[in-house]
């Protein structure tokens, strides 16, 4: 059964800081937090961690010290964007044709090669 928006929101509420950092298996020096791991496991969304991690291999992304990643899910499809901050235009825009990630707008940060939830910042 797919994850619900309430389940993801509960993970966000409970994720204040992190105790562990997890290494991405294919992108050297890219880490993610307990909260991101919980979201990925609950929603079956390690693909999202992979997409963000693989984008770090692009020089113009890797050179951005703070990245705001937004996953906007609607009607079983999504758009993933990366901005330097909330006021700037998108640096990355990717369409995702099919997903069972819960409907909504979900934010993630990358700072210092670490993918984290905003509540863990």
PDB file of N, CA and C in Angstrom:
ATOM      1  N   UNK A   1       0.840  -1.181   0.000  1.00  0.00           N
ATOM      2  CA  UNK A   1       0.000   0.000   0.000  1.00  0.00           C
ATOM      3  C   UNK A   1       0.887   1.248   0.000  1.00  0.00           C
ATOM      4  N   UNK A   2       0.591   2.208  -0.855  1.00  0.00           N
ATOM      5  CA  UNK A   2       1.400   3.439  -0.915  1.00  0.00           C
ATOM      6  C   UNK A   2       1.323   4.235   0.385  1.00  0.00           C
ATOM      7  N   UNK A   3       2.359   4.987   0.625  1.00  0.00           N
ATOM      8  CA  UNK A   3       2.398   5.868   1.797  1.00  0.00           C
ATOM      9  C   UNK A   3       1.363   6.972   1.659  1.00  0.00           C
ATOM     10  N   UNK A   4       0.933   7.492   2.791  1.00  0.00           N
ATOM     11  CA  UNK A   4      -0.004   8.612   2.787  1.00  0.00           C
ATOM     12  C   UNK A   4       0.738   9.908   3.105  1.00  0.00           C
ATOM     13  N   UNK A   5       0.105  11.004   2.757  1.00  0.00           N
ATOM     14  CA  UNK A   5       0.679  12.313   3.077  1.00  0.00           C
ATOM     15  C   UNK A   5       0.844  12.456   4.593  1.00  0.00           C
ATOM     16  N   UNK A   6      -0.096  11.920   5.350  1.00  0.00           N
ATOM     17  CA  UNK A   6      -0.032  12.008   6.806  1.00  0.00           C
ATOM     18  C   UNK A   6       1.195  11.265   7.347  1.00  0.00           C
ATOM     19  N   UNK A   7       1.526  10.121   6.754  1.00  0.00           N
ATOM     20  CA  UNK A   7       2.706   9.384   7.193  1.00  0.00           C
ATOM     21  C   UNK A   7       3.983  10.196   6.949  1.00  0.00           C
ATOM     22  N   UNK A   8       4.075  10.824   5.788  1.00  0.00           N
ATOM     23  CA  UNK A   8       5.263  11.621   5.468  1.00  0.00           C
ATOM     24  C   UNK A   8       5.330  12.851   6.378  1.00  0.00           C
ATOM     25  N   UNK A   9       4.193  13.480   6.611  1.00  0.00           N
ATOM     26  CA  UNK A   9       4.160  14.643   7.500  1.00  0.00           C
ATOM     27  C   UNK A   9       4.569  14.262   8.923  1.00  0.00           C
ATOM     28  N   UNK A  10       4.173  13.081   9.367  1.00  0.00           N
ATOM     29  CA  UNK A  10       4.555  12.618  10.706  1.00  0.00           C
ATOM     30  C   UNK A  10       6.065  12.401  10.796  1.00  0.00           C
ATOM     31  N   UNK A  11       6.650  11.841   9.746  1.00  0.00           N
ATOM     32  CA  UNK A  11       8.112  11.684   9.715  1.00  0.00           C
ATOM     33  C   UNK A  11       8.776  13.051   9.811  1.00  0.00           C
ATOM     34  N   UNK A  12       8.256  14.021   9.061  1.00  0.00           N
ATOM     35  CA  UNK A  12       8.822  15.367   9.112  1.00  0.00           C
ATOM     36  C   UNK A  12       8.724  15.955  10.518  1.00  0.00           C
ATOM     37  N   UNK A  13       7.595  15.753  11.184  1.00  0.00           N
ATOM     38  CA  UNK A  13       7.415  16.288  12.547  1.00  0.00           C
ATOM     39  C   UNK A  13       8.397  15.652  13.533  1.00  0.00           C
ATOM     40  N   UNK A  14       8.676  14.380  13.343  1.00  0.00           N
ATOM     41  CA  UNK A  14       9.537  13.665  14.280  1.00  0.00           C
ATOM     42  C   UNK A  14      11.024  13.809  13.964  1.00  0.00           C
ATOM     43  N   UNK A  15      11.351  14.332  12.812  1.00  0.00           N
ATOM     44  CA  UNK A  15      12.755  14.410  12.384  1.00  0.00           C
ATOM     45  C   UNK A  15      13.341  15.774  12.718  1.00  0.00           C
ATOM     46  N   UNK A  16      13.924  15.854  13.890  1.00  0.00           N
ATOM     47  CA  UNK A  16      14.588  17.081  14.331  1.00  0.00           C
ATOM     48  C   UNK A  16      16.061  16.712  14.495  1.00  0.00           C
ATOM     49  N   UNK A  17      16.891  17.173  13.578  1.00  0.00           N
ATOM     50  CA  UNK A  17      18.288  16.749  13.590  1.00  0.00           C
ATOM     51  C   UNK A  17      18.385  15.305  13.117  1.00  0.00           C
ATOM     52  N   UNK A  18      19.571  14.745  13.180  1.00  0.00           N
ATOM     53  CA  UNK A  18      19.765  13.350  12.796  1.00  0.00           C
ATOM     54  C   UNK A  18      20.841  12.735  13.671  1.00  0.00           C
ATOM     55  N   UNK A  19      20.741  11.448  13.883  1.00  0.00           N
ATOM     56  CA  UNK A  19      21.777  10.725  14.631  1.00  0.00           C
ATOM     57  C   UNK A  19      22.723   9.998  13.690  1.00  0.00           C
ATOM     58  N   UNK A  20      22.258   9.723  12.469  1.00  0.00           N
ATOM     59  CA  UNK A  20      23.041   8.943  11.522  1.00  0.00           C
ATOM     60  C   UNK A  20      23.079   9.616  10.159  1.00  0.00           C
ATOM     61  N   UNK A  21      24.158   9.383   9.463  1.00  0.00           N
ATOM     62  CA  UNK A  21      24.293   9.814   8.082  1.00  0.00           C
ATOM     63  C   UNK A  21      24.539   8.562   7.261  1.00  0.00           C
ATOM     64  N   UNK A  22      23.821   8.439   6.168  1.00  0.00           N
ATOM     65  CA  UNK A  22      23.918   7.253   5.320  1.00  0.00           C
ATOM     66  C   UNK A  22      24.606   7.622   4.019  1.00  0.00           C
ATOM     67  N   UNK A  23      25.564   6.807   3.605  1.00  0.00           N
ATOM     68  CA  UNK A  23      26.287   7.052   2.358  1.00  0.00           C
ATOM     69  C   UNK A  23      25.469   6.544   1.189  1.00  0.00           C
ATOM     70  N   UNK A  24      25.383   7.369   0.159  1.00  0.00           N
ATOM     71  CA  UNK A  24      24.747   6.906  -1.063  1.00  0.00           C
ATOM     72  C   UNK A  24      25.676   5.872  -1.695  1.00  0.00           C
ATOM     73  N   UNK A  25      25.144   4.747  -2.156  1.00  0.00           N
ATOM     74  CA  UNK A  25      26.017   3.674  -2.640  1.00  0.00           C
ATOM     75  C   UNK A  25      26.775   3.975  -3.931  1.00  0.00           C
ATOM     76  N   UNK A  26      26.316   4.956  -4.716  1.00  0.00           N
ATOM     77  CA  UNK A  26      26.959   5.194  -6.008  1.00  0.00           C
ATOM     78  C   UNK A  26      27.523   6.594  -6.195  1.00  0.00           C
ATOM     79  N   UNK A  27      27.170   7.525  -5.335  1.00  0.00           N
ATOM     80  CA  UNK A  27      27.667   8.899  -5.478  1.00  0.00           C
ATOM     81  C   UNK A  27      28.582   9.186  -4.293  1.00  0.00           C
ATOM     82  N   UNK A  28      29.862   9.230  -4.600  1.00  0.00           N
ATOM     83  CA  UNK A  28      30.883   9.411  -3.570  1.00  0.00           C
ATOM     84  C   UNK A  28      30.638  10.684  -2.760  1.00  0.00           C
ATOM     85  N   UNK A  29      30.802  10.587  -1.470  1.00  0.00           N
ATOM     86  CA  UNK A  29      30.701  11.712  -0.542  1.00  0.00           C
ATOM     87  C   UNK A  29      29.301  12.313  -0.437  1.00  0.00           C
ATOM     88  N   UNK A  30      28.273  11.628  -0.930  1.00  0.00           N
ATOM     89  CA  UNK A  30      26.901  12.131  -0.795  1.00  0.00           C
ATOM     90  C   UNK A  30      26.214  11.354   0.317  1.00  0.00           C
ATOM     91  N   UNK A  31      25.688  12.091   1.288  1.00  0.00           N
ATOM     92  CA  UNK A  31      25.076  11.492   2.467  1.00  0.00           C
ATOM     93  C   UNK A  31      23.617  11.900   2.580  1.00  0.00           C
ATOM     94  N   UNK A  32      22.843  11.131   3.338  1.00  0.00           N
ATOM     95  CA  UNK A  32      21.483  11.527   3.669  1.00  0.00           C
ATOM     96  C   UNK A  32      21.181  11.135   5.108  1.00  0.00           C
ATOM     97  N   UNK A  33      20.161  11.748   5.657  1.00  0.00           N
ATOM     98  CA  UNK A  33      19.879  11.688   7.090  1.00  0.00           C
ATOM     99  C   UNK A  33      18.837  10.620   7.443  1.00  0.00           C
ATOM    100  N   UNK A  34      18.634  10.467   8.753  1.00  0.00           N
ATOM    101  CA  UNK A  34      17.604   9.552   9.254  1.00  0.00           C
ATOM    102  C   UNK A  34      16.227   9.889   8.683  1.00  0.00           C
ATOM    103  N   UNK A  35      15.888  11.159   8.658  1.00  0.00           N
ATOM    104  CA  UNK A  35      14.570  11.570   8.166  1.00  0.00           C
ATOM    105  C   UNK A  35      14.373  11.236   6.701  1.00  0.00           C
ATOM    106  N   UNK A  36      15.389  11.498   5.892  1.00  0.00           N
ATOM    107  CA  UNK A  36      15.312  11.175   4.461  1.00  0.00           C
ATOM    108  C   UNK A  36      15.191   9.668   4.284  1.00  0.00           C
ATOM    109  N   UNK A  37      15.953   8.923   5.060  1.00  0.00           N
ATOM    110  CA  UNK A  37      15.867   7.463   4.968  1.00  0.00           C
ATOM    111  C   UNK A  37      14.463   6.984   5.331  1.00  0.00           C
ATOM    112  N   UNK A  38      13.877   7.558   6.360  1.00  0.00           N
ATOM    113  CA  UNK A  38      12.525   7.174   6.777  1.00  0.00           C
ATOM    114  C   UNK A  38      11.491   7.502   5.702  1.00  0.00           C
ATOM    115  N   UNK A  39      11.607   8.670   5.080  1.00  0.00           N
ATOM    116  CA  UNK A  39      10.690   9.034   3.990  1.00  0.00           C
ATOM    117  C   UNK A  39      10.852   8.059   2.829  1.00  0.00           C
ATOM    118  N   UNK A  40      12.093   7.796   2.433  1.00  0.00           N
ATOM    119  CA  UNK A  40      12.357   6.892   1.307  1.00  0.00           C
ATOM    120  C   UNK A  40      11.823   5.490   1.590  1.00  0.00           C
ATOM    121  N   UNK A  41      12.037   4.999   2.796  1.00  0.00           N
ATOM    122  CA  UNK A  41      11.578   3.652   3.146  1.00  0.00           C
ATOM    123  C   UNK A  41      10.051   3.588   3.206  1.00  0.00           C
ATOM    124  N   UNK A  42       9.431   4.584   3.806  1.00  0.00           N
ATOM    125  CA  UNK A  42       7.981   4.602   3.967  1.00  0.00           C
ATOM    126  C   UNK A  42       7.271   4.742   2.629  1.00  0.00           C
ATOM    127  N   UNK A  43       7.797   5.596   1.769  1.00  0.00           N
ATOM    128  CA  UNK A  43       7.141   5.878   0.487  1.00  0.00           C
ATOM    129  C   UNK A  43       7.698   5.045  -0.666  1.00  0.00           C
ATOM    130  N   UNK A  44       8.642   4.161  -0.377  1.00  0.00           N
ATOM    131  CA  UNK A  44       9.267   3.398  -1.465  1.00  0.00           C
ATOM    132  C   UNK A  44       9.934   4.342  -2.453  1.00  0.00           C
ATOM    133  N   UNK A  45      10.627   5.340  -1.925  1.00  0.00           N
ATOM    134  CA  UNK A  45      11.130   6.428  -2.766  1.00  0.00           C
ATOM    135  C   UNK A  45      12.644   6.581  -2.714  1.00  0.00           C
ATOM    136  N   UNK A  46      13.363   5.461  -2.688  1.00  0.00           N
ATOM    137  CA  UNK A  46      14.814   5.585  -2.808  1.00  0.00           C
ATOM    138  C   UNK A  46      15.179   6.135  -4.181  1.00  0.00           C
ATOM    139  N   UNK A  47      14.266   6.039  -5.144  1.00  0.00           N
ATOM    140  CA  UNK A  47      14.474   6.637  -6.464  1.00  0.00           C
ATOM    141  C   UNK A  47      14.659   8.149  -6.334  1.00  0.00           C
ATOM    142  N   UNK A  48      13.969   8.757  -5.377  1.00  0.00           N
ATOM    143  CA  UNK A  48      14.081  10.203  -5.178  1.00  0.00           C
ATOM    144  C   UNK A  48      15.471  10.554  -4.639  1.00  0.00           C
ATOM    145  N   UNK A  49      15.952   9.777  -3.678  1.00  0.00           N
ATOM    146  CA  UNK A  49      17.307   9.974  -3.159  1.00  0.00           C
ATOM    147  C   UNK A  49      18.309   9.819  -4.308  1.00  0.00           C
ATOM    148  N   UNK A  50      18.103   8.798  -5.145  1.00  0.00           N
ATOM    149  CA  UNK A  50      18.998   8.577  -6.287  1.00  0.00           C
ATOM    150  C   UNK A  50      18.983   9.758  -7.252  1.00  0.00           C
ATOM    151  N   UNK A  51      17.812  10.262  -7.589  1.00  0.00           N
ATOM    152  CA  UNK A  51      17.735  11.390  -8.543  1.00  0.00           C
ATOM    153  C   UNK A  51      18.483  12.609  -8.018  1.00  0.00           C
ATOM    154  N   UNK A  52      18.272  12.911  -6.747  1.00  0.00           N
ATOM    155  CA  UNK A  52      18.954  14.064  -6.168  1.00  0.00           C
ATOM    156  C   UNK A  52      20.458  13.798  -6.107  1.00  0.00           C
ATOM    157  N   UNK A  53      20.839  12.599  -5.708  1.00  0.00           N
ATOM    158  CA  UNK A  53      22.264  12.253  -5.621  1.00  0.00           C
ATOM    159  C   UNK A  53      22.932  12.311  -6.992  1.00  0.00           C
ATOM    160  N   UNK A  54      22.317  11.709  -8.004  1.00  0.00           N
ATOM    161  CA  UNK A  54      22.931  11.696  -9.334  1.00  0.00           C
ATOM    162  C   UNK A  54      23.057  13.099  -9.919  1.00  0.00           C
ATOM    163  N   UNK A  55      22.148  13.990  -9.559  1.00  0.00           N
ATOM    164  CA  UNK A  55      22.276  15.380 -10.013  1.00  0.00           C
ATOM    165  C   UNK A  55      23.483  16.070  -9.403  1.00  0.00           C
ATOM    166  N   UNK A  56      23.982  15.558  -8.277  1.00  0.00           N
ATOM    167  CA  UNK A  56      25.172  16.143  -7.655  1.00  0.00           C
ATOM    168  C   UNK A  56      26.411  15.915  -8.514  1.00  0.00           C
ATOM    169  N   UNK A  57      26.335  15.017  -9.476  1.00  0.00           N
ATOM    170  CA  UNK A  57      27.465  14.757 -10.372  1.00  0.00           C
ATOM    171  C   UNK A  57      27.605  15.839 -11.442  1.00  0.00           C
ATOM    172  N   UNK A  58      26.618  16.710 -11.552  1.00  0.00           N
ATOM    173  CA  UNK A  58      26.685  17.837 -12.492  1.00  0.00           C
ATOM    174  C   UNK A  58      27.383  19.001 -11.791  1.00  0.00           C
ATOM    175  N   UNK A  59      28.387  19.563 -12.434  1.00  0.00           N
ATOM    176  CA  UNK A  59      29.191  20.621 -11.807  1.00  0.00           C
ATOM    177  C   UNK A  59      28.364  21.803 -11.326  1.00  0.00           C
ATOM    178  N   UNK A  60      27.401  22.246 -12.133  1.00  0.00           N
ATOM    179  CA  UNK A  60      26.623  23.423 -11.743  1.00  0.00           C
ATOM    180  C   UNK A  60      25.714  23.140 -10.549  1.00  0.00           C
ATOM    181  N   UNK A  61      25.397  21.893 -10.296  1.00  0.00           N
ATOM    182  CA  UNK A  61      24.620  21.532  -9.108  1.00  0.00           C
ATOM    183  C   UNK A  61      25.553  21.376  -7.916  1.00  0.00           C
ATOM    184  N   UNK A  62      26.597  20.601  -8.081  1.00  0.00           N
ATOM    185  CA  UNK A  62      27.542  20.340  -6.984  1.00  0.00           C
ATOM    186  C   UNK A  62      28.158  21.618  -6.443  1.00  0.00           C
ATOM    187  N   UNK A  63      28.307  22.622  -7.283  1.00  0.00           N
ATOM    188  CA  UNK A  63      28.929  23.876  -6.838  1.00  0.00           C
ATOM    189  C   UNK A  63      27.944  24.788  -6.099  1.00  0.00           C
ATOM    190  N   UNK A  64      26.696  24.380  -5.992  1.00  0.00           N
ATOM    191  CA  UNK A  64      25.695  25.169  -5.281  1.00  0.00           C
ATOM    192  C   UNK A  64      25.708  24.759  -3.809  1.00  0.00           C
ATOM    193  N   UNK A  65      26.146  25.641  -2.906  1.00  0.00           N
ATOM    194  CA  UNK A  65      26.339  25.246  -1.509  1.00  0.00           C
ATOM    195  C   UNK A  65      25.038  24.893  -0.777  1.00  0.00           C
ATOM    196  N   UNK A  66      23.938  25.566  -1.104  1.00  0.00           N
ATOM    197  CA  UNK A  66      22.637  25.255  -0.506  1.00  0.00           C
ATOM    198  C   UNK A  66      21.652  25.013  -1.631  1.00  0.00           C
ATOM    199  N   UNK A  67      21.010  23.859  -1.604  1.00  0.00           N
ATOM    200  CA  UNK A  67      20.053  23.491  -2.647  1.00  0.00           C
ATOM    201  C   UNK A  67      18.691  23.223  -2.021  1.00  0.00           C
ATOM    202  N   UNK A  68      17.673  23.812  -2.589  1.00  0.00           N
ATOM    203  CA  UNK A  68      16.288  23.549  -2.216  1.00  0.00           C
ATOM    204  C   UNK A  68      15.687  22.664  -3.293  1.00  0.00           C
ATOM    205  N   UNK A  69      15.337  21.434  -2.925  1.00  0.00           N
ATOM    206  CA  UNK A  69      14.716  20.479  -3.841  1.00  0.00           C
ATOM    207  C   UNK A  69      13.236  20.405  -3.509  1.00  0.00           C
ATOM    208  N   UNK A  70      12.394  20.531  -4.528  1.00  0.00           N
ATOM    209  CA  UNK A  70      10.947  20.502  -4.341  1.00  0.00           C
ATOM    210  C   UNK A  70      10.370  19.406  -5.221  1.00  0.00           C
ATOM    211  N   UNK A  71       9.652  18.489  -4.588  1.00  0.00           N
ATOM    212  CA  UNK A  71       8.924  17.448  -5.305  1.00  0.00           C
ATOM    213  C   UNK A  71       7.458  17.817  -5.235  1.00  0.00           C
ATOM    214  N   UNK A  72       6.887  18.172  -6.380  1.00  0.00           N
ATOM    215  CA  UNK A  72       5.488  18.573  -6.455  1.00  0.00           C
ATOM    216  C   UNK A  72       4.712  17.436  -7.121  1.00  0.00           C
ATOM    217  N   UNK A  73       3.896  16.733  -6.320  1.00  0.00           N
ATOM    218  CA  UNK A  73       3.183  15.542  -6.786  1.00  0.00           C
ATOM    219  C   UNK A  73       1.706  15.855  -6.939  1.00  0.00           C
ATOM    220  N   UNK A  74       1.178  15.472  -8.112  1.00  0.00           N
ATOM    221  CA  UNK A  74      -0.237  15.718  -8.400  1.00  0.00           C
ATOM    222  C   UNK A  74      -0.700  14.685  -9.418  1.00  0.00           C
ATOM    223  N   UNK A  75      -1.819  14.045  -9.146  1.00  0.00           N
ATOM    224  CA  UNK A  75      -2.443  13.108 -10.091  1.00  0.00           C
ATOM    225  C   UNK A  75      -1.502  11.998 -10.559  1.00  0.00           C
ATOM    226  N   UNK A  76      -0.683  11.473  -9.667  1.00  0.00           N
ATOM    227  CA  UNK A  76       0.174  10.342  -9.999  1.00  0.00           C
ATOM    228  C   UNK A  76       1.416  10.666 -10.807  1.00  0.00           C
ATOM    229  N   UNK A  77       1.684  11.947 -11.011  1.00  0.00           N
ATOM    230  CA  UNK A  77       2.930  12.360 -11.660  1.00  0.00           C
ATOM    231  C   UNK A  77       3.543  13.467 -10.814  1.00  0.00           C
ATOM    232  N   UNK A  78       4.754  13.862 -11.163  1.00  0.00           N
ATOM    233  CA  UNK A  78       5.429  14.847 -10.321  1.00  0.00           C
ATOM    234  C   UNK A  78       6.415  15.671 -11.131  1.00  0.00           C
ATOM    235  N   UNK A  79       6.831  16.753 -10.514  1.00  0.00           N
ATOM    236  CA  UNK A  79       7.931  17.549 -11.036  1.00  0.00           C
ATOM    237  C   UNK A  79       8.923  17.734  -9.894  1.00  0.00           C
ATOM    238  N   UNK A  80      10.186  17.480 -10.189  1.00  0.00           N
ATOM    239  CA  UNK A  80      11.267  17.661  -9.227  1.00  0.00           C
ATOM    240  C   UNK A  80      12.091  18.848  -9.692  1.00  0.00           C
ATOM    241  N   UNK A  81      12.222  19.845  -8.824  1.00  0.00           N
ATOM    242  CA  UNK A  81      13.010  21.028  -9.173  1.00  0.00           C
ATOM    243  C   UNK A  81      14.058  21.285  -8.102  1.00  0.00           C
ATOM    244  N   UNK A  82      15.132  21.932  -8.522  1.00  0.00           N
ATOM    245  CA  UNK A  82      16.166  22.361  -7.595  1.00  0.00           C
ATOM    246  C   UNK A  82      16.401  23.841  -7.807  1.00  0.00           C
ATOM    247  N   UNK A  83      16.420  24.569  -6.710  1.00  0.00           N
ATOM    248  CA  UNK A  83      16.691  26.002  -6.719  1.00  0.00           C
ATOM    249  C   UNK A  83      17.817  26.291  -5.733  1.00  0.00           C
ATOM    250  N   UNK A  84      18.483  27.411  -5.967  1.00  0.00           N
ATOM    251  CA  UNK A  84      19.499  27.838  -4.994  1.00  0.00           C
ATOM    252  C   UNK A  84      18.849  28.338  -3.721  1.00  0.00           C
ATOM    253  N   UNK A  85      17.688  28.923  -3.818  1.00  0.00           N
ATOM    254  CA  UNK A  85      16.853  29.278  -2.680  1.00  0.00           C
ATOM    255  C   UNK A  85      15.441  29.489  -3.208  1.00  0.00           C
ATOM    256  N   UNK A  86      14.516  29.797  -2.340  1.00  0.00           N
ATOM    257  CA  UNK A  86      13.111  29.847  -2.744  1.00  0.00           C
ATOM    258  C   UNK A  86      12.776  30.990  -3.701  1.00  0.00           C
ATOM    259  N   UNK A  87      13.632  31.996  -3.799  1.00  0.00           N
ATOM    260  CA  UNK A  87      13.333  33.147  -4.643  1.00  0.00           C
ATOM    261  C   UNK A  87      13.958  33.084  -6.032  1.00  0.00           C
ATOM    262  N   UNK A  88      14.740  32.076  -6.306  1.00  0.00           N
ATOM    263  CA  UNK A  88      15.449  32.000  -7.586  1.00  0.00           C
ATOM    264  C   UNK A  88      14.760  31.037  -8.537  1.00  0.00           C
ATOM    265  N   UNK A  89      15.075  31.186  -9.810  1.00  0.00           N
ATOM    266  CA  UNK A  89      14.504  30.272 -10.799  1.00  0.00           C
ATOM    267  C   UNK A  89      15.152  28.893 -10.668  1.00  0.00           C
ATOM    268  N   UNK A  90      14.473  27.905 -11.205  1.00  0.00           N
ATOM    269  CA  UNK A  90      14.932  26.521 -11.074  1.00  0.00           C
ATOM    270  C   UNK A  90      16.235  26.293 -11.826  1.00  0.00           C
ATOM    271  N   UNK A  91      17.144  25.575 -11.204  1.00  0.00           N
ATOM    272  CA  UNK A  91      18.397  25.152 -11.823  1.00  0.00           C
ATOM    273  C   UNK A  91      18.184  23.806 -12.516  1.00  0.00           C
ATOM    274  N   UNK A  92      17.378  22.957 -11.887  1.00  0.00           N
ATOM    275  CA  UNK A  92      17.031  21.631 -12.408  1.00  0.00           C
ATOM    276  C   UNK A  92      15.516  21.523 -12.426  1.00  0.00           C
ATOM    277  N   UNK A  93      14.967  20.987 -13.500  1.00  0.00           N
ATOM    278  CA  UNK A  93      13.543  20.669 -13.579  1.00  0.00           C
ATOM    279  C   UNK A  93      13.418  19.311 -14.259  1.00  0.00           C
ATOM    280  N   UNK A  94      12.827  18.371 -13.548  1.00  0.00           N
ATOM    281  CA  UNK A  94      12.640  17.033 -14.096  1.00  0.00           C
ATOM    282  C   UNK A  94      11.188  16.612 -13.936  1.00  0.00           C
ATOM    283  N   UNK A  95      10.606  16.090 -14.995  1.00  0.00           N
ATOM    284  CA  UNK A  95       9.252  15.548 -14.933  1.00  0.00           C
ATOM    285  C   UNK A  95       9.332  14.066 -14.583  1.00  0.00           C
ATOM    286  N   UNK A  96       8.437  13.641 -13.744  1.00  0.00           N
ATOM    287  CA  UNK A  96       8.329  12.242 -13.354  1.00  0.00           C
ATOM    288  C   UNK A  96       6.929  11.803 -13.769  1.00  0.00           C
ATOM    289  N   UNK A  97       6.878  10.944 -14.768  1.00  0.00           N
ATOM    290  CA  UNK A  97       5.592  10.571 -15.365  1.00  0.00           C
ATOM    291  C   UNK A  97       4.682   9.784 -14.439  1.00  0.00           C
ATOM    292  N   UNK A  98       5.248   8.902 -13.646  1.00  0.00           N
ATOM    293  CA  UNK A  98       4.430   8.052 -12.773  1.00  0.00           C
ATOM    294  C   UNK A  98       5.073   7.926 -11.400  1.00  0.00           C
ATOM    295  N   UNK A  99       4.270   8.162 -10.368  1.00  0.00           N
ATOM    296  CA  UNK A  99       4.745   7.969  -8.999  1.00  0.00           C
ATOM    297  C   UNK A  99       3.559   7.692  -8.094  1.00  0.00           C
ATOM    298  N   UNK A 100       3.808   6.920  -7.045  1.00  0.00           N
ATOM    299  CA  UNK A 100       2.772   6.744  -6.026  1.00  0.00           C
ATOM    300  C   UNK A 100       3.161   7.484  -4.741  1.00  0.00           C
ATOM    301  N   UNK A 101       4.144   8.406  -4.863  1.00  0.00           N
ATOM    302  CA  UNK A 101       4.485   9.272  -3.732  1.00  0.00           C
ATOM    303  C   UNK A 101       3.236  10.093  -3.411  1.00  0.00           C
ATOM    304  N   UNK A 102       2.962  10.357  -2.149  1.00  0.00           N
ATOM    305  CA  UNK A 102       1.737  11.082  -1.794  1.00  0.00           C
ATOM    306  C   UNK A 102       1.639  12.459  -2.458  1.00  0.00           C
ATOM    307  N   UNK A 103       0.436  12.821  -2.821  1.00  0.00           N
ATOM    308  CA  UNK A 103       0.161  14.124  -3.413  1.00  0.00           C
ATOM    309  C   UNK A 103       0.570  15.223  -2.443  1.00  0.00           C
ATOM    310  N   UNK A 104       1.157  16.270  -2.986  1.00  0.00           N
ATOM    311  CA  UNK A 104       1.557  17.413  -2.175  1.00  0.00           C
ATOM    312  C   UNK A 104       2.847  18.010  -2.679  1.00  0.00           C
ATOM    313  N   UNK A 105       3.296  19.022  -1.988  1.00  0.00           N
ATOM    314  CA  UNK A 105       4.568  19.663  -2.287  1.00  0.00           C
ATOM    315  C   UNK A 105       5.512  19.337  -1.140  1.00  0.00           C
ATOM    316  N   UNK A 106       6.612  18.667  -1.480  1.00  0.00           N
ATOM    317  CA  UNK A 106       7.552  18.154  -0.487  1.00  0.00           C
ATOM    318  C   UNK A 106       8.918  18.786  -0.713  1.00  0.00           C
ATOM    319  N   UNK A 107       9.505  19.283   0.361  1.00  0.00           N
ATOM    320  CA  UNK A 107      10.792  19.981   0.251  1.00  0.00           C
ATOM    321  C   UNK A 107      11.901  19.183   0.925  1.00  0.00           C
ATOM    322  N   UNK A 108      13.078  19.284   0.318  1.00  0.00           N
ATOM    323  CA  UNK A 108      14.286  18.662   0.830  1.00  0.00           C
ATOM    324  C   UNK A 108      15.416  19.661   0.628  1.00  0.00           C
ATOM    325  N   UNK A 109      16.434  19.585   1.464  1.00  0.00           N
ATOM    326  CA  UNK A 109      17.599  20.441   1.323  1.00  0.00           C
ATOM    327  C   UNK A 109      18.830  19.583   1.041  1.00  0.00           C
ATOM    328  N   UNK A 110      19.770  20.158   0.315  1.00  0.00           N
ATOM    329  CA  UNK A 110      21.115  19.597   0.240  1.00  0.00           C
ATOM    330  C   UNK A 110      22.050  20.706   0.695  1.00  0.00           C
ATOM    331  N   UNK A 111      22.833  20.382   1.705  1.00  0.00           N
ATOM    332  CA  UNK A 111      23.785  21.347   2.238  1.00  0.00           C
ATOM    333  C   UNK A 111      25.035  20.572   2.641  1.00  0.00           C
ATOM    334  N   UNK A 112      26.173  20.989   2.119  1.00  0.00           N
ATOM    335  CA  UNK A 112      27.425  20.308   2.439  1.00  0.00           C
ATOM    336  C   UNK A 112      27.407  18.838   2.047  1.00  0.00           C
ATOM    337  N   UNK A 113      26.842  18.538   0.884  1.00  0.00           N
ATOM    338  CA  UNK A 113      26.738  17.153   0.369  1.00  0.00           C
ATOM    339  C   UNK A 113      25.851  16.251   1.222  1.00  0.00           C
ATOM    340  N   UNK A 114      24.954  16.830   2.008  1.00  0.00           N
ATOM    341  CA  UNK A 114      24.033  16.043   2.821  1.00  0.00           C
ATOM    342  C   UNK A 114      22.600  16.389   2.421  1.00  0.00           C
ATOM    343  N   UNK A 115      21.828  15.358   2.096  1.00  0.00           N
ATOM    344  CA  UNK A 115      20.402  15.500   1.805  1.00  0.00           C
ATOM    345  C   UNK A 115      19.635  15.369   3.111  1.00  0.00           C
ATOM    346  N   UNK A 116      18.792  16.363   3.435  1.00  0.00           N
ATOM    347  CA  UNK A 116      18.073  16.357   4.690  1.00  0.00           C
ATOM    348  C   UNK A 116      16.686  16.945   4.531  1.00  0.00           C
ATOM    349  N   UNK A 117      15.838  16.662   5.496  1.00  0.00           N
ATOM    350  CA  UNK A 117      14.524  17.276   5.554  1.00  0.00           C
ATOM    351  C   UNK A 117      14.672  18.679   6.135  1.00  0.00           C
ATOM    352  N   UNK A 118      13.797  19.610   5.763  1.00  0.00           N
ATOM    353  CA  UNK A 118      13.895  20.957   6.347  1.00  0.00           C
ATOM    354  C   UNK A 118      13.852  20.940   7.879  1.00  0.00           C
ATOM    355  N   UNK A 119      13.102  20.032   8.468  1.00  0.00           N
ATOM    356  CA  UNK A 119      13.022  19.965   9.925  1.00  0.00           C
ATOM    357  C   UNK A 119      14.321  19.490  10.567  1.00  0.00           C
ATOM    358  N   UNK A 120      15.209  18.896   9.777  1.00  0.00           N
ATOM    359  CA  UNK A 120      16.494  18.441  10.301  1.00  0.00           C
ATOM    360  C   UNK A 120      17.589  19.492  10.167  1.00  0.00           C
ATOM    361  N   UNK A 121      17.281  20.602   9.547  1.00  0.00           N
ATOM    362  CA  UNK A 121      18.264  21.655   9.288  1.00  0.00           C
ATOM    363  C   UNK A 121      18.637  22.362  10.585  1.00  0.00           C
TER     364      UNK A 121
END
